[in-house]
Every structure is written in structure tokens, then in C-alpha cells.
Protein backbone atom coordinates (compact mmCIF):
# COMPACT_ATOMS: atom_id res chain seq x y z
CA MET A 1 -3.66 16.67 -20.98
CA PRO A 2 -2.76 18.50 -17.59
CA ASN A 3 -4.78 18.83 -14.56
CA TYR A 4 -3.27 21.92 -13.06
CA GLN A 5 -5.25 21.73 -9.65
CA GLU A 6 -4.29 18.03 -8.97
CA LEU A 7 -0.88 18.50 -10.46
CA TYR A 8 -0.63 15.59 -13.23
CA ALA A 9 -0.49 15.22 -16.80
CA GLY A 10 -0.51 12.71 -19.53
CA LYS A 11 -1.58 12.01 -23.14
CA VAL A 12 -5.06 10.73 -23.74
CA ASP A 13 -5.26 7.98 -26.61
CA LEU A 14 -8.58 9.20 -27.84
CA VAL A 15 -11.82 11.14 -26.85
CA ALA A 16 -14.67 10.01 -29.26
CA ARG A 17 -18.16 9.34 -29.11
CA TYR A 18 -19.01 5.55 -28.79
CA GLN A 19 -22.57 4.42 -29.31
CA GLY A 20 -23.27 8.41 -29.23
CA VAL A 21 -21.89 8.83 -25.98
CA PRO A 22 -18.61 10.82 -25.39
CA HIS A 23 -15.95 8.51 -23.88
CA VAL A 24 -12.41 8.47 -22.89
CA ILE A 25 -10.82 5.74 -24.85
CA GLU A 26 -7.60 4.15 -23.83
CA TRP A 27 -5.87 1.64 -26.13
CA THR A 28 -3.43 -1.13 -24.87
CA THR A 29 -2.16 -4.56 -26.03
CA ALA A 30 -1.73 -7.73 -24.22
CA GLU A 31 -0.65 -11.29 -25.00
CA GLU A 32 -3.51 -12.82 -23.24
CA PRO A 33 -7.13 -11.89 -22.46
CA LYS A 34 -7.69 -9.78 -19.47
CA LEU A 35 -11.10 -11.02 -18.82
CA ARG A 36 -11.84 -8.89 -15.60
CA PHE A 37 -11.45 -5.28 -14.62
CA ASP A 38 -8.94 -6.17 -11.89
CA LYS A 39 -6.61 -7.46 -14.44
CA LEU A 40 -6.20 -4.27 -16.01
CA TYR A 41 -3.90 -3.12 -13.27
CA ASP A 42 -3.56 0.82 -13.49
CA LYS A 43 -5.38 1.36 -16.59
CA PRO A 44 -8.76 2.47 -14.93
CA LEU A 45 -6.77 4.99 -12.54
CA GLN A 46 -5.34 6.23 -16.06
CA VAL A 47 -8.72 6.81 -17.76
CA ALA A 48 -10.18 8.30 -14.82
CA ALA A 49 -7.30 10.79 -14.49
CA TYR A 50 -7.73 11.71 -18.14
CA SER A 51 -11.52 11.96 -17.62
CA GLY A 52 -10.88 14.35 -14.55
CA ALA A 53 -8.57 16.46 -16.48
CA ILE A 54 -10.51 16.71 -19.59
CA ASN A 55 -13.79 17.60 -17.59
CA ARG A 56 -11.79 20.20 -15.51
CA TYR A 57 -10.49 22.14 -18.69
CA CYS A 58 -12.06 21.39 -21.88
CA SER A 59 -14.94 18.98 -22.15
CA ASP A 60 -17.66 21.89 -22.11
CA ARG A 61 -15.70 23.71 -25.06
CA LEU A 62 -15.30 20.59 -27.14
CA PHE A 63 -18.28 18.29 -26.30
CA ASN A 64 -20.84 20.86 -24.57
CA CYS A 65 -20.95 18.26 -21.76
CA LYS A 66 -18.90 16.33 -19.22
CA ILE A 67 -17.22 13.07 -20.24
CA ASN A 68 -18.81 10.50 -17.87
CA HIS A 69 -17.97 7.33 -19.59
CA ALA A 70 -14.61 5.63 -20.54
CA LEU A 71 -13.30 2.67 -22.53
CA ILE A 72 -10.24 0.59 -22.17
CA VAL A 73 -9.72 -1.56 -25.40
CA VAL A 74 -7.12 -4.46 -25.06
CA ALA A 75 -5.95 -5.59 -28.52
CA LEU A 76 -4.85 -9.31 -28.43
CA PRO A 77 -2.90 -11.00 -31.02
CA GLY A 78 -4.98 -13.01 -33.42
CA GLU A 79 -8.18 -12.45 -31.35
CA GLU A 80 -11.00 -9.85 -31.12
CA ALA A 81 -10.23 -7.03 -28.80
CA GLU A 82 -11.45 -6.87 -25.30
CA ILE A 83 -13.63 -3.72 -24.59
CA PHE A 84 -14.02 -2.73 -20.91
CA GLU A 85 -16.75 -0.04 -20.44
CA PHE A 86 -16.83 2.42 -17.60
CA ASP A 87 -20.20 4.03 -16.89
CA ARG A 88 -20.57 7.21 -15.06
CA ALA A 89 -20.79 5.56 -11.59
CA THR A 90 -18.00 3.10 -12.19
CA LEU A 91 -15.80 6.11 -13.49
CA ILE A 92 -16.51 8.31 -10.42
CA HIS A 93 -15.62 5.21 -8.11
CA VAL A 94 -12.31 5.11 -9.97
CA TRP A 95 -11.86 8.71 -10.01
CA HIS A 96 -12.00 8.46 -6.11
CA GLN A 97 -9.43 5.83 -6.10
CA TRP A 98 -7.29 7.77 -8.23
CA LEU A 99 -7.38 10.96 -6.04
CA ASN A 100 -6.36 8.56 -3.21
CA ARG A 101 -3.46 7.34 -5.15
CA LEU A 102 -2.63 10.99 -5.79
CA ASN A 103 -2.82 12.04 -2.15
CA PHE A 104 -0.85 9.20 -1.06
CA PHE A 105 2.07 10.03 -3.38
CA PHE A 106 2.10 13.73 -2.44
CA SER A 107 2.10 12.83 1.12
CA ALA A 108 5.20 10.49 0.56
CA VAL A 109 6.89 13.19 -1.17
CA ALA A 110 6.31 15.62 1.44
CA ALA A 111 7.46 13.54 4.21
């Protein structure tokens, strides 16, 4: 999923309705439960980046709306998966963190 304005690309795992609401969904695995958002490392930035690209280029065509929610599903060996849900406010907050990271990267490249 490219975002030509912010100059990044990646492959989203899944865009689907979860409990009737469109979500960007990232699947990942771990040996131990993550338990908290901060243990997800860069995964929140990743789903925010995907959401931004989808919203800029195709959400209106595919879903007739913007995608304002995301999930990170962590598969664990022998246990139920952990589900971390991002509501609109959280996803927007993480989107701004992603843009800051992207700006830092391009500033370092330009230097």
C-alpha cells in the first residue's frame, strides 16, 4: 500500500469489518504475551501508516468511509491471541507519531 505524499509503502495484512466497523488489522506472533501497548514496539506506527495510506488513496472507493480503527492481533503459542484495539483518537495520536518518525528519517537522509 503506497502513500505517495509521505513517500512510504508496505503491505497491509488485512482490512476488514470487526464488530461492524472497518479496521486495518495487523497479525503478528510472539512467544510471550505483550500485555501492554508499549510492548508492541513499532507495530502501532505500522498500522497507523497503513491506515493513512488507505485513507488517502482508497478507503472511499472500497468502504465508502475513512478507516478510523485498527487492531493488532498477537498470536501466542498454545494461548488465545491478544487483541489490541485502536479507536479513532488513538489511531490519530499514533499517526502523528508516525509522521514525526518519517520527518526525522527524511531530515537525517537530507543531512
